[in-house]
Amino acid sequence: MRPTWKGVYPALTTLFHPDESMDRKGMENKVDDQIRSGVQALILGGSLGEASTLSSDEKLELLDLVLAHANGRVPVILNVAESRTRDALAFVRRAADAGADGLMVLPPMRYKADEDEVTTWYSAIAHETDLPILLYNNPVDYGIGLSLHQFETLLRIPTIQAVKESTRDVTQVIRLKNAFGDRLKVLCGVDTLALESLLLGADGWVAGLVNAFPEETVAIYRLALAGEIESARALYAWFMPLLELDIHPKLVQYIKLAERETGRGTPFVRAPRQPLEEGELMNVLRIIHDGPGNRPSHR
């Protein structure tokens, strides 16, 4: 099943037991919960999925688990964030053999590559596979962005179809759509800019807080798509304090805590990430618990 690059695409957290082993049953429950809530695909092993602490074999184990449980209900997309091009190409081949429906590809992560190196990196991976590719444009967190010139070059490769747009500049949606139209699907990658991006023409939303609040996330997308702007705005205004948990350096701990509090997961992270200290823990819990009683209707 190939992704359409439209709708809500959860960047799934990877659930662990206290000993840091993978919580397989928890992941199966998460898959069912997200699909039942109306998402259009699942993204595995991204930054929120703690890719930095997962080995290549573990990411493929996670892919096998989720593919088997999703059972064709939605596409399953695997993140590529290897350090060396040769390793990335080998990983992409293994992902394709394992049945991945698509790939999200990060830029080179261990040093600040220049424009030519970044373009060559993405081109090499895209030429290695027939799987559709979602580029990740996040200069704020990764120090590497994609220019319109680079997009023009990369879109000559048929497997490159979409971008997770995380520049923090919503006008980039307009620039990309003006330049490339439907040749490039644009998915908002920043929870706190999702409604604005959708109203400016983004095709979808790679979401983080969807792990804990899937129905609300999907409702905002559907309301925006239907032109029910005031209802979307009201729900988005309620959601904003929670969505801001997605733009903090400890977003993994924060979102996993929200999952625990909503009965959708566990707070366990892998070192070097650490559990939240008491003061920070209480502040985040206050944000999580203040919202639900004031939630506007979205049915």
Protein backbone atom coordinates (compact mmCIF):
# COMPACT_ATOMS: atom_id res chain seq x y z
CA MET A 1 0.00 0.00 0.00
CA ARG A 2 1.59 3.26 -1.14
CA PRO A 3 1.12 6.50 0.82
CA THR A 4 -0.91 9.30 -0.75
CA TRP A 5 0.91 11.93 1.36
CA LYS A 6 -2.41 13.39 2.46
CA GLY A 7 -3.94 13.44 5.93
CA VAL A 8 -2.48 12.79 9.38
CA TYR A 9 0.78 10.83 9.54
CA PRO A 10 1.72 10.06 13.16
CA ALA A 11 5.41 10.10 13.99
CA LEU A 12 5.05 7.22 16.41
CA THR A 13 6.93 7.00 19.65
CA THR A 14 8.66 3.68 20.25
CA LEU A 15 7.33 2.13 23.44
CA PHE A 16 9.76 0.46 25.84
CA HIS A 17 9.63 -1.54 29.04
CA PRO A 18 11.53 -0.21 32.08
CA ASP A 19 14.55 -2.32 31.06
CA GLU A 20 14.60 -0.52 27.65
CA SER A 21 13.40 -3.57 25.71
CA MET A 22 10.72 -2.93 23.12
CA ASP A 23 7.13 -3.10 24.31
CA ARG A 24 5.71 -5.15 21.46
CA LYS A 25 2.19 -5.44 22.84
CA GLY A 26 2.13 -1.71 23.57
CA MET A 27 3.13 -1.00 19.97
CA GLU A 28 0.35 -3.25 18.68
CA ASN A 29 -2.16 -1.40 20.84
CA LYS A 30 -0.80 1.91 19.56
CA VAL A 31 -1.22 0.82 15.93
CA ASP A 32 -4.85 -0.16 16.54
CA ASP A 33 -5.57 3.07 18.42
CA GLN A 34 -4.11 5.30 15.73
CA ILE A 35 -5.81 3.51 12.85
CA ARG A 36 -9.13 3.48 14.68
CA SER A 37 -8.81 7.26 15.12
CA GLY A 38 -8.54 7.80 11.36
CA VAL A 39 -4.87 8.42 10.56
CA GLN A 40 -3.71 7.83 6.97
CA ALA A 41 -0.30 6.21 7.61
CA LEU A 42 2.24 5.39 10.33
CA ILE A 43 5.84 6.65 10.52
CA LEU A 44 8.34 4.57 12.48
CA GLY A 45 11.79 5.26 13.90
CA GLY A 46 11.88 9.03 13.53
CA SER A 47 13.33 11.49 16.02
CA LEU A 48 10.25 11.14 18.22
CA GLY A 49 10.60 7.37 17.79
CA GLU A 50 14.07 7.58 19.37
CA ALA A 51 15.89 6.62 16.19
CA SER A 52 19.16 7.70 17.79
CA THR A 53 18.91 4.81 20.28
CA LEU A 54 17.60 2.14 17.88
CA SER A 55 19.97 -0.06 15.95
CA SER A 56 19.27 -0.80 12.30
CA ASP A 57 18.19 -4.30 13.26
CA GLU A 58 15.80 -2.93 15.89
CA LYS A 59 14.25 -0.51 13.40
CA LEU A 60 13.63 -3.40 11.04
CA GLU A 61 12.22 -5.47 13.91
CA LEU A 62 9.87 -2.58 14.66
CA LEU A 63 8.91 -2.43 10.99
CA ASP A 64 8.11 -6.16 10.93
CA LEU A 65 5.99 -5.85 14.05
CA VAL A 66 3.97 -2.87 12.83
CA LEU A 67 3.54 -4.19 9.28
CA ALA A 68 2.21 -7.48 10.59
CA HIS A 69 -0.22 -5.81 12.96
CA ALA A 70 -1.35 -3.06 10.60
CA ASN A 71 -2.01 -5.81 8.06
CA GLY A 72 -2.49 -3.47 5.11
CA ARG A 73 -4.91 -1.12 6.86
CA VAL A 74 -2.60 1.90 6.34
CA PRO A 75 0.85 2.40 4.79
CA VAL A 76 3.83 1.98 7.10
CA ILE A 77 6.77 4.34 6.54
CA LEU A 78 10.25 3.79 7.97
CA ASN A 79 12.72 6.54 8.81
CA VAL A 80 16.24 6.56 7.33
CA ALA A 81 18.89 8.34 9.39
CA GLU A 82 22.07 6.36 8.93
CA SER A 83 25.45 8.05 9.26
CA ARG A 84 27.18 6.76 6.12
CA THR A 85 25.73 6.70 2.61
CA ARG A 86 26.75 3.07 2.10
CA ASP A 87 24.95 2.08 5.31
CA ALA A 88 21.87 4.09 4.30
CA LEU A 89 21.69 2.31 0.95
CA ALA A 90 21.99 -1.09 2.59
CA PHE A 91 19.31 -0.14 5.12
CA VAL A 92 16.96 1.06 2.37
CA ARG A 93 17.33 -2.25 0.56
CA ARG A 94 16.56 -4.16 3.75
CA ALA A 95 13.53 -1.96 4.45
CA ALA A 96 12.17 -2.60 0.96
CA ASP A 97 12.73 -6.35 1.30
CA ALA A 98 10.92 -6.27 4.66
CA GLY A 99 7.85 -4.67 3.06
CA ALA A 100 8.03 -0.98 4.00
CA ASP A 101 5.48 1.10 2.09
CA GLY A 102 7.61 4.24 2.03
CA LEU A 103 10.59 6.02 3.55
CA MET A 104 11.14 9.23 5.44
CA VAL A 105 14.74 10.36 4.88
CA LEU A 106 16.69 12.72 7.12
CA PRO A 107 19.74 14.67 5.90
CA PRO A 108 23.26 13.59 6.90
CA MET A 109 23.21 13.87 10.67
CA ARG A 110 26.79 13.77 11.96
CA TYR A 111 28.08 17.00 10.42
CA LYS A 112 26.77 20.06 8.60
CA ALA A 113 26.89 18.96 4.98
CA ASP A 114 26.84 21.58 2.22
CA GLU A 115 24.12 21.87 -0.42
CA ASP A 116 25.81 19.61 -2.95
CA GLU A 117 26.49 16.91 -0.36
CA VAL A 118 22.88 16.97 0.87
CA THR A 119 21.51 16.75 -2.66
CA THR A 120 23.87 13.88 -3.48
CA TRP A 121 22.86 12.07 -0.28
CA TYR A 122 19.15 12.24 -1.06
CA SER A 123 19.72 11.39 -4.72
CA ALA A 124 21.75 8.28 -3.90
CA ILE A 125 19.06 6.97 -1.56
CA ALA A 126 16.22 7.78 -3.96
CA HIS A 127 17.95 6.00 -6.84
CA GLU A 128 18.44 2.92 -4.66
CA THR A 129 14.76 2.13 -4.21
CA ASP A 130 11.34 2.15 -5.79
CA LEU A 131 9.75 3.12 -2.48
CA PRO A 132 8.17 6.59 -2.31
CA ILE A 133 10.19 9.07 -0.25
CA LEU A 134 9.27 11.82 2.19
CA LEU A 135 12.15 14.28 2.59
CA TYR A 136 12.63 15.92 5.99
CA ASN A 137 13.32 19.66 5.82
CA ASN A 138 14.24 20.77 9.35
CA PRO A 139 17.02 23.38 9.42
CA VAL A 140 16.06 24.49 12.94
CA ASP A 141 16.88 21.18 14.64
CA TYR A 142 19.35 19.69 12.18
CA GLY A 143 21.17 22.76 10.87
CA ILE A 144 20.54 21.64 7.28
CA GLY A 145 17.75 22.94 5.07
CA LEU A 146 16.62 22.38 1.50
CA SER A 147 16.45 25.24 -1.01
CA LEU A 148 13.98 25.53 -3.87
CA HIS A 149 16.87 24.80 -6.21
CA GLN A 150 17.55 21.54 -4.38
CA PHE A 151 13.88 20.56 -4.51
CA GLU A 152 13.85 21.23 -8.26
CA THR A 153 16.83 18.90 -8.71
CA LEU A 154 15.52 16.18 -6.43
CA LEU A 155 12.01 16.15 -7.90
CA ARG A 156 13.47 14.84 -11.14
CA ILE A 157 13.70 11.51 -9.30
CA PRO A 158 10.25 9.84 -9.33
CA THR A 159 10.60 8.25 -5.90
CA ILE A 160 10.91 11.67 -4.21
CA GLN A 161 7.31 12.77 -3.74
CA ALA A 162 6.82 14.71 -0.50
CA VAL A 163 8.44 16.79 2.21
CA LYS A 164 7.96 17.02 5.95
CA GLU A 165 8.15 20.80 6.20
CA SER A 166 9.64 21.92 9.52
CA THR A 167 11.32 25.23 8.78
CA ARG A 168 8.98 26.98 11.29
CA ASP A 169 8.01 29.36 8.46
CA VAL A 170 4.45 28.71 7.29
CA THR A 171 4.98 30.82 4.17
CA GLN A 172 7.26 28.03 2.96
CA VAL A 173 4.09 26.07 2.19
CA ILE A 174 3.11 28.76 -0.32
CA ARG A 175 6.59 28.91 -1.82
CA LEU A 176 6.69 25.17 -2.35
CA LYS A 177 3.19 25.02 -3.81
CA ASN A 178 3.88 28.01 -6.08
CA ALA A 179 7.07 26.39 -7.32
CA PHE A 180 6.00 22.77 -7.66
CA GLY A 181 2.24 22.49 -7.35
CA ASP A 182 1.10 18.90 -6.92
CA ARG A 183 4.51 17.54 -7.94
CA LEU A 184 5.51 17.88 -4.29
CA LYS A 185 3.18 16.94 -1.45
CA VAL A 186 3.79 19.16 1.59
CA LEU A 187 3.18 17.82 5.11
CA CYS A 188 3.48 20.13 8.09
CA GLY A 189 6.07 18.79 10.52
CA VAL A 190 5.52 21.21 13.42
CA ASP A 191 2.48 20.62 15.60
CA THR A 192 2.14 24.30 16.58
CA LEU A 193 1.89 25.37 12.92
CA ALA A 194 -0.42 22.65 11.68
CA LEU A 195 -3.70 24.50 11.18
CA GLU A 196 -1.98 27.49 9.55
CA SER A 197 -0.10 25.16 7.21
CA LEU A 198 -3.22 23.23 6.25
CA LEU A 199 -5.14 26.42 5.50
CA LEU A 200 -2.25 27.60 3.32
CA GLY A 201 -2.42 24.43 1.24
CA ALA A 202 -0.38 21.77 3.02
CA ASP A 203 -1.50 18.28 2.06
CA GLY A 204 -1.08 16.73 5.47
CA TRP A 205 0.42 16.75 8.93
CA VAL A 206 3.24 14.66 10.39
CA ALA A 207 2.06 14.90 13.97
CA GLY A 208 3.60 14.29 17.40
CA LEU A 209 0.87 14.83 20.02
CA VAL A 210 -1.29 12.51 17.95
CA ASN A 211 0.36 9.74 19.98
CA ALA A 212 -1.63 10.88 23.01
CA PHE A 213 -4.53 12.74 21.36
CA PRO A 214 -5.28 11.03 18.03
CA GLU A 215 -8.98 11.92 17.73
CA GLU A 216 -8.33 15.62 18.28
CA THR A 217 -5.46 15.67 15.79
CA VAL A 218 -7.51 13.97 13.08
CA ALA A 219 -10.48 16.24 13.85
CA ILE A 220 -8.42 19.39 13.19
CA TYR A 221 -7.28 18.01 9.84
CA ARG A 222 -10.81 17.03 8.83
CA LEU A 223 -12.31 20.34 9.92
CA ALA A 224 -9.68 22.29 7.99
CA LEU A 225 -10.23 20.13 4.91
CA ALA A 226 -14.00 20.69 5.15
CA GLY A 227 -13.59 24.45 5.49
CA GLU A 228 -15.08 24.47 8.99
CA ILE A 229 -12.54 27.06 10.06
CA GLU A 230 -14.12 28.33 13.27
CA SER A 231 -14.57 24.82 14.65
CA ALA A 232 -11.00 23.96 13.66
CA ARG A 233 -9.70 27.16 15.26
CA ALA A 234 -11.52 26.52 18.53
CA LEU A 235 -10.17 22.99 18.81
CA TYR A 236 -6.68 24.15 17.81
CA ALA A 237 -6.75 26.91 20.44
CA TRP A 238 -7.61 24.35 23.12
CA PHE A 239 -4.88 22.02 21.81
CA MET A 240 -2.09 24.62 21.59
CA PRO A 241 -0.61 24.27 25.11
CA LEU A 242 -0.35 20.54 24.49
CA LEU A 243 1.03 20.96 20.98
CA GLU A 244 3.82 23.11 22.40
CA LEU A 245 5.18 19.99 24.07
CA ASP A 246 6.25 18.94 20.55
CA ILE A 247 8.71 21.83 20.10
CA HIS A 248 10.77 21.31 23.26
CA PRO A 249 14.15 19.49 23.33
CA LYS A 250 12.53 16.93 25.66
CA LEU A 251 9.60 16.32 23.34
CA VAL A 252 10.09 12.54 23.62
CA GLN A 253 9.74 12.54 27.40
CA TYR A 254 6.87 15.05 27.28
CA ILE A 255 4.84 13.22 24.67
CA LYS A 256 5.43 9.83 26.27
CA LEU A 257 4.23 11.30 29.56
CA ALA A 258 1.09 12.52 27.78
CA GLU A 259 0.62 9.01 26.38
CA ARG A 260 0.77 7.56 29.88
CA GLU A 261 -1.70 10.09 31.23
CA THR A 262 -4.19 9.37 28.44
CA GLY A 263 -3.80 5.60 28.81
CA ARG A 264 -2.06 5.23 25.45
CA GLY A 265 1.49 4.32 26.37
CA THR A 266 4.32 4.38 28.88
CA PRO A 267 6.86 7.07 29.82
CA PHE A 268 9.98 4.91 29.51
CA VAL A 269 12.83 6.28 27.37
CA ARG A 270 16.24 4.94 26.46
CA ALA A 271 19.41 6.46 27.83
CA PRO A 272 20.99 8.92 27.36
CA ARG A 273 17.49 10.39 27.71
CA GLN A 274 16.48 10.52 31.35
CA PRO A 275 13.14 10.59 33.17
CA LEU A 276 11.86 14.06 34.01
CA GLU A 277 12.84 15.56 37.35
CA GLU A 278 10.02 16.32 39.76
CA GLY A 279 9.61 20.05 39.07
CA GLU A 280 9.55 19.64 35.31
CA LEU A 281 7.37 16.57 35.62
CA MET A 282 4.75 18.48 37.60
CA ASN A 283 4.75 21.38 35.12
CA VAL A 284 4.14 19.06 32.17
CA LEU A 285 1.47 17.11 34.05
CA ARG A 286 -0.32 20.39 34.76
CA ILE A 287 -0.42 21.18 31.04
CA ILE A 288 -1.68 17.70 30.21
CA HIS A 289 -4.42 17.71 32.82
CA ASP A 290 -5.59 21.32 32.45
CA GLY A 291 -6.85 20.83 28.91
CA PRO A 292 -9.30 17.94 28.62
CA GLY A 293 -12.06 19.48 30.76
CA ASN A 294 -12.21 22.51 28.45
CA ARG A 295 -12.05 20.60 25.18
CA PRO A 296 -14.55 21.90 22.61
CA SER A 297 -16.73 19.43 20.80
CA HIS A 298 -15.31 18.12 17.53
CA ARG A 299 -17.90 15.51 16.63
